[in-house]
Amino acid sequence: MTIQPDRVSGYDRGLLVSRLDALMMVLKSCKGRTCTHPWESLHPSGIVKDLKGAMSPKFDEFYAEQAKVSYDACSEGYLIALEGPQEVVAYDDLHYNQW
């Protein structure tokens, strides 16, 4: 078996990280249904329901442009002001090419 450090479970590492980063952006401050159906926040039309669907090459640019999870400091509690970006941009099947 050949180890490919630039691939994870057959996926390009960078492309996978961009999807997981967007997913973490949704989950880091989710409420209600968003916590159990996070892909709906990114793909409201329902075109993507899981990571496998999100790995489609047609979404590469969309995920590359998403805000990245970050924090400004490590505090003793949850301080939203230190939590970096809070919002994700949803994929719009009809208008994404206009970005």
N, C-alpha and C. Protein backbone atom coordinates (compact mmCIF):
# COMPACT_ATOMS: atom_id res chain seq x y z
N MET A 1 0.83 -1.18 0.00
CA MET A 1 0.00 0.00 0.00
C MET A 1 0.88 1.25 0.00
N THR A 2 0.61 2.17 -0.91
CA THR A 2 1.36 3.40 -1.01
C THR A 2 0.68 4.49 -0.18
N ILE A 3 1.45 5.16 0.66
CA ILE A 3 0.92 6.25 1.46
C ILE A 3 1.04 7.54 0.66
N GLN A 4 -0.06 8.27 0.57
CA GLN A 4 -0.07 9.54 -0.14
C GLN A 4 -0.38 10.65 0.86
N PRO A 5 0.65 11.37 1.35
CA PRO A 5 0.44 12.35 2.40
C PRO A 5 -0.47 13.52 1.99
N ASP A 6 -0.64 13.72 0.70
CA ASP A 6 -1.49 14.82 0.25
C ASP A 6 -2.94 14.39 0.06
N ARG A 7 -3.25 13.13 0.43
CA ARG A 7 -4.60 12.61 0.28
C ARG A 7 -5.08 11.98 1.59
N VAL A 8 -6.38 12.12 1.86
CA VAL A 8 -7.00 11.52 3.04
C VAL A 8 -8.24 10.80 2.57
N SER A 9 -8.31 9.51 2.82
CA SER A 9 -9.44 8.68 2.37
C SER A 9 -9.73 8.87 0.89
N GLY A 10 -8.67 9.06 0.12
CA GLY A 10 -8.81 9.20 -1.32
C GLY A 10 -9.06 10.63 -1.79
N TYR A 11 -9.28 11.55 -0.87
CA TYR A 11 -9.56 12.95 -1.22
C TYR A 11 -8.31 13.80 -1.09
N ASP A 12 -8.20 14.81 -1.94
CA ASP A 12 -7.14 15.79 -1.82
C ASP A 12 -7.25 16.46 -0.44
N ARG A 13 -6.17 16.50 0.29
CA ARG A 13 -6.18 17.03 1.66
C ARG A 13 -6.69 18.48 1.72
N GLY A 14 -6.22 19.34 0.84
CA GLY A 14 -6.64 20.74 0.85
C GLY A 14 -8.12 20.90 0.58
N LEU A 15 -8.65 20.13 -0.36
CA LEU A 15 -10.09 20.21 -0.67
C LEU A 15 -10.92 19.68 0.50
N LEU A 16 -10.44 18.63 1.13
CA LEU A 16 -11.14 18.07 2.28
C LEU A 16 -11.14 19.07 3.44
N VAL A 17 -10.01 19.69 3.70
CA VAL A 17 -9.91 20.66 4.79
C VAL A 17 -10.86 21.83 4.56
N SER A 18 -10.99 22.30 3.33
CA SER A 18 -11.89 23.42 3.06
C SER A 18 -13.33 23.05 3.38
N ARG A 19 -13.74 21.82 3.09
CA ARG A 19 -15.10 21.36 3.42
C ARG A 19 -15.28 21.25 4.94
N LEU A 20 -14.31 20.65 5.61
CA LEU A 20 -14.40 20.47 7.05
C LEU A 20 -14.35 21.81 7.79
N ASP A 21 -13.60 22.75 7.26
CA ASP A 21 -13.54 24.08 7.87
C ASP A 21 -14.91 24.76 7.77
N ALA A 22 -15.56 24.68 6.62
CA ALA A 22 -16.90 25.26 6.46
C ALA A 22 -17.89 24.57 7.39
N LEU A 23 -17.77 23.26 7.52
CA LEU A 23 -18.65 22.53 8.42
C LEU A 23 -18.44 22.97 9.87
N MET A 24 -17.18 23.16 10.26
CA MET A 24 -16.89 23.64 11.61
C MET A 24 -17.43 25.05 11.84
N MET A 25 -17.40 25.89 10.82
CA MET A 25 -17.98 27.23 10.95
C MET A 25 -19.45 27.14 11.29
N VAL A 26 -20.15 26.21 10.68
CA VAL A 26 -21.58 26.04 10.96
C VAL A 26 -21.77 25.51 12.37
N LEU A 27 -21.00 24.51 12.75
CA LEU A 27 -21.20 23.82 14.02
C LEU A 27 -20.69 24.58 15.24
N LYS A 28 -19.77 25.51 15.04
CA LYS A 28 -19.19 26.16 16.22
C LYS A 28 -20.17 27.05 16.97
N SER A 29 -21.23 27.48 16.33
CA SER A 29 -22.22 28.30 17.04
C SER A 29 -23.64 27.95 16.59
N CYS A 30 -23.86 26.68 16.29
CA CYS A 30 -25.16 26.25 15.77
C CYS A 30 -26.23 26.23 16.86
N LYS A 31 -27.47 26.26 16.40
CA LYS A 31 -28.63 26.16 17.28
C LYS A 31 -29.69 25.33 16.56
N GLY A 32 -30.41 24.52 17.33
CA GLY A 32 -31.53 23.76 16.78
C GLY A 32 -31.16 22.83 15.65
N ARG A 33 -31.96 22.85 14.60
CA ARG A 33 -31.80 21.95 13.47
C ARG A 33 -30.43 22.10 12.79
N THR A 34 -29.88 23.28 12.84
CA THR A 34 -28.57 23.50 12.21
C THR A 34 -27.51 22.57 12.80
N CYS A 35 -27.65 22.24 14.07
CA CYS A 35 -26.67 21.37 14.73
C CYS A 35 -26.77 19.92 14.24
N THR A 36 -27.96 19.49 13.86
CA THR A 36 -28.13 18.11 13.41
C THR A 36 -28.15 17.98 11.88
N HIS A 37 -28.32 19.09 11.19
CA HIS A 37 -28.33 19.10 9.72
C HIS A 37 -27.47 20.26 9.20
N PRO A 38 -26.17 20.25 9.53
CA PRO A 38 -25.33 21.40 9.20
C PRO A 38 -25.17 21.67 7.71
N TRP A 39 -25.27 20.64 6.88
CA TRP A 39 -25.09 20.85 5.44
C TRP A 39 -26.19 21.72 4.87
N GLU A 40 -27.36 21.76 5.52
CA GLU A 40 -28.46 22.62 5.05
C GLU A 40 -28.10 24.10 5.13
N SER A 41 -27.24 24.46 6.07
CA SER A 41 -26.81 25.86 6.18
C SER A 41 -25.93 26.24 4.99
N LEU A 42 -25.13 25.31 4.54
CA LEU A 42 -24.23 25.56 3.41
C LEU A 42 -24.92 25.35 2.07
N HIS A 43 -25.88 24.44 2.02
CA HIS A 43 -26.58 24.09 0.78
C HIS A 43 -28.09 24.02 1.05
N PRO A 44 -28.74 25.18 1.19
CA PRO A 44 -30.16 25.21 1.55
C PRO A 44 -31.07 24.48 0.56
N SER A 45 -30.64 24.33 -0.67
CA SER A 45 -31.48 23.65 -1.67
C SER A 45 -31.56 22.14 -1.41
N GLY A 46 -30.67 21.62 -0.55
CA GLY A 46 -30.66 20.19 -0.24
C GLY A 46 -29.79 19.38 -1.18
N ILE A 47 -29.07 20.04 -2.07
CA ILE A 47 -28.23 19.34 -3.05
C ILE A 47 -27.10 18.56 -2.37
N VAL A 48 -26.65 19.01 -1.19
CA VAL A 48 -25.60 18.32 -0.44
C VAL A 48 -26.14 17.95 0.93
N LYS A 49 -25.98 16.68 1.28
CA LYS A 49 -26.47 16.19 2.56
C LYS A 49 -25.37 15.61 3.45
N ASP A 50 -24.15 15.48 2.87
CA ASP A 50 -23.06 14.88 3.63
C ASP A 50 -21.72 15.28 3.01
N LEU A 51 -20.65 14.87 3.68
CA LEU A 51 -19.30 15.23 3.22
C LEU A 51 -19.03 14.68 1.82
N LYS A 52 -19.46 13.48 1.55
CA LYS A 52 -19.24 12.89 0.22
C LYS A 52 -19.84 13.78 -0.86
N GLY A 53 -21.05 14.26 -0.65
CA GLY A 53 -21.68 15.15 -1.62
C GLY A 53 -20.95 16.48 -1.74
N ALA A 54 -20.45 16.98 -0.61
CA ALA A 54 -19.73 18.25 -0.61
C ALA A 54 -18.40 18.16 -1.34
N MET A 55 -17.86 16.96 -1.48
CA MET A 55 -16.57 16.79 -2.15
C MET A 55 -16.65 16.88 -3.67
N SER A 56 -17.82 17.09 -4.23
CA SER A 56 -17.93 17.25 -5.67
C SER A 56 -17.05 18.41 -6.13
N PRO A 57 -16.30 18.23 -7.21
CA PRO A 57 -15.42 19.29 -7.70
C PRO A 57 -16.16 20.60 -8.04
N LYS A 58 -17.46 20.52 -8.32
CA LYS A 58 -18.17 21.75 -8.66
C LYS A 58 -18.27 22.71 -7.48
N PHE A 59 -17.99 22.23 -6.26
CA PHE A 59 -18.04 23.08 -5.08
C PHE A 59 -16.67 23.57 -4.62
N ASP A 60 -15.60 23.23 -5.35
CA ASP A 60 -14.24 23.60 -4.93
C ASP A 60 -14.10 25.10 -4.67
N GLU A 61 -14.52 25.91 -5.60
CA GLU A 61 -14.38 27.37 -5.47
C GLU A 61 -15.24 27.89 -4.31
N PHE A 62 -16.45 27.38 -4.19
CA PHE A 62 -17.35 27.79 -3.12
C PHE A 62 -16.70 27.58 -1.75
N TYR A 63 -16.16 26.39 -1.52
CA TYR A 63 -15.56 26.10 -0.22
C TYR A 63 -14.25 26.84 -0.02
N ALA A 64 -13.50 27.06 -1.07
CA ALA A 64 -12.25 27.81 -0.96
C ALA A 64 -12.51 29.25 -0.50
N GLU A 65 -13.66 29.80 -0.83
CA GLU A 65 -13.99 31.19 -0.50
C GLU A 65 -14.67 31.34 0.86
N GLN A 66 -14.98 30.25 1.53
CA GLN A 66 -15.64 30.34 2.85
C GLN A 66 -14.66 30.88 3.89
N ALA A 67 -15.21 31.58 4.90
CA ALA A 67 -14.39 32.04 6.03
C ALA A 67 -13.80 30.82 6.72
N LYS A 68 -12.65 30.99 7.30
CA LYS A 68 -11.97 29.89 7.98
C LYS A 68 -12.17 30.01 9.50
N VAL A 69 -12.28 28.88 10.16
CA VAL A 69 -12.40 28.87 11.60
C VAL A 69 -11.14 29.47 12.21
N SER A 70 -11.34 30.37 13.16
CA SER A 70 -10.19 30.97 13.83
C SER A 70 -10.61 31.44 15.22
N TYR A 71 -9.63 31.78 16.02
CA TYR A 71 -9.89 32.38 17.32
C TYR A 71 -8.75 33.34 17.60
N ASP A 72 -9.04 34.33 18.42
CA ASP A 72 -8.05 35.37 18.70
C ASP A 72 -7.25 35.13 19.98
N ALA A 73 -7.83 34.37 20.90
CA ALA A 73 -7.15 34.10 22.16
C ALA A 73 -7.81 32.89 22.81
N CYS A 74 -7.09 32.27 23.72
CA CYS A 74 -7.64 31.16 24.47
C CYS A 74 -8.09 31.71 25.82
N SER A 75 -9.39 31.70 26.08
CA SER A 75 -9.92 32.28 27.30
C SER A 75 -10.46 31.20 28.23
N GLU A 76 -10.85 31.59 29.41
CA GLU A 76 -11.37 30.65 30.39
C GLU A 76 -12.86 30.38 30.21
N GLY A 77 -13.43 30.89 29.18
CA GLY A 77 -14.85 30.68 28.92
C GLY A 77 -15.16 31.03 27.48
N TYR A 78 -16.41 30.89 27.12
CA TYR A 78 -16.84 31.20 25.76
C TYR A 78 -17.09 32.70 25.63
N LEU A 79 -16.24 33.38 24.91
CA LEU A 79 -16.38 34.81 24.65
C LEU A 79 -16.52 34.98 23.14
N ILE A 80 -17.71 35.26 22.70
CA ILE A 80 -17.98 35.31 21.26
C ILE A 80 -17.09 36.32 20.54
N ALA A 81 -16.69 37.37 21.21
CA ALA A 81 -15.83 38.37 20.59
C ALA A 81 -14.47 37.80 20.19
N LEU A 82 -14.07 36.70 20.80
CA LEU A 82 -12.78 36.07 20.48
C LEU A 82 -12.91 34.92 19.50
N GLU A 83 -14.11 34.64 19.07
CA GLU A 83 -14.38 33.44 18.27
C GLU A 83 -14.18 33.61 16.77
N GLY A 84 -13.73 34.74 16.29
CA GLY A 84 -13.50 34.92 14.86
C GLY A 84 -14.81 34.95 14.10
N PRO A 85 -14.77 34.64 12.80
CA PRO A 85 -15.98 34.71 11.96
C PRO A 85 -17.09 33.83 12.52
N GLN A 86 -18.33 34.27 12.36
CA GLN A 86 -19.48 33.54 12.88
C GLN A 86 -20.44 33.07 11.79
N GLU A 87 -20.36 33.64 10.62
CA GLU A 87 -21.34 33.36 9.58
C GLU A 87 -20.73 32.57 8.42
N VAL A 88 -21.55 31.72 7.83
CA VAL A 88 -21.15 31.03 6.60
C VAL A 88 -22.00 31.58 5.46
N VAL A 89 -21.50 31.47 4.27
CA VAL A 89 -22.23 31.87 3.08
C VAL A 89 -22.85 30.63 2.49
N ALA A 90 -24.13 30.65 2.21
CA ALA A 90 -24.81 29.49 1.64
C ALA A 90 -24.56 29.41 0.14
N TYR A 91 -24.50 28.20 -0.36
CA TYR A 91 -24.35 27.97 -1.79
C TYR A 91 -25.70 28.21 -2.45
N ASP A 92 -25.74 29.07 -3.44
CA ASP A 92 -26.95 29.39 -4.17
C ASP A 92 -26.83 28.75 -5.54
N ASP A 93 -27.56 27.66 -5.77
CA ASP A 93 -27.45 26.91 -7.02
C ASP A 93 -27.67 27.78 -8.26
N LEU A 94 -28.48 28.81 -8.15
CA LEU A 94 -28.80 29.63 -9.31
C LEU A 94 -27.85 30.79 -9.52
N HIS A 95 -27.28 31.33 -8.45
CA HIS A 95 -26.53 32.55 -8.56
C HIS A 95 -25.06 32.46 -8.16
N TYR A 96 -24.57 31.30 -7.81
CA TYR A 96 -23.20 31.20 -7.35
C TYR A 96 -22.20 31.69 -8.40
N ASN A 97 -22.48 31.43 -9.66
CA ASN A 97 -21.53 31.83 -10.70
C ASN A 97 -21.41 33.34 -10.83
N GLN A 98 -22.25 34.11 -10.14
CA GLN A 98 -22.18 35.56 -10.21
C GLN A 98 -21.25 36.15 -9.13
N TRP A 99 -20.69 35.32 -8.25
CA TRP A 99 -19.82 35.83 -7.17
C TRP A 99 -18.64 36.51 -7.71
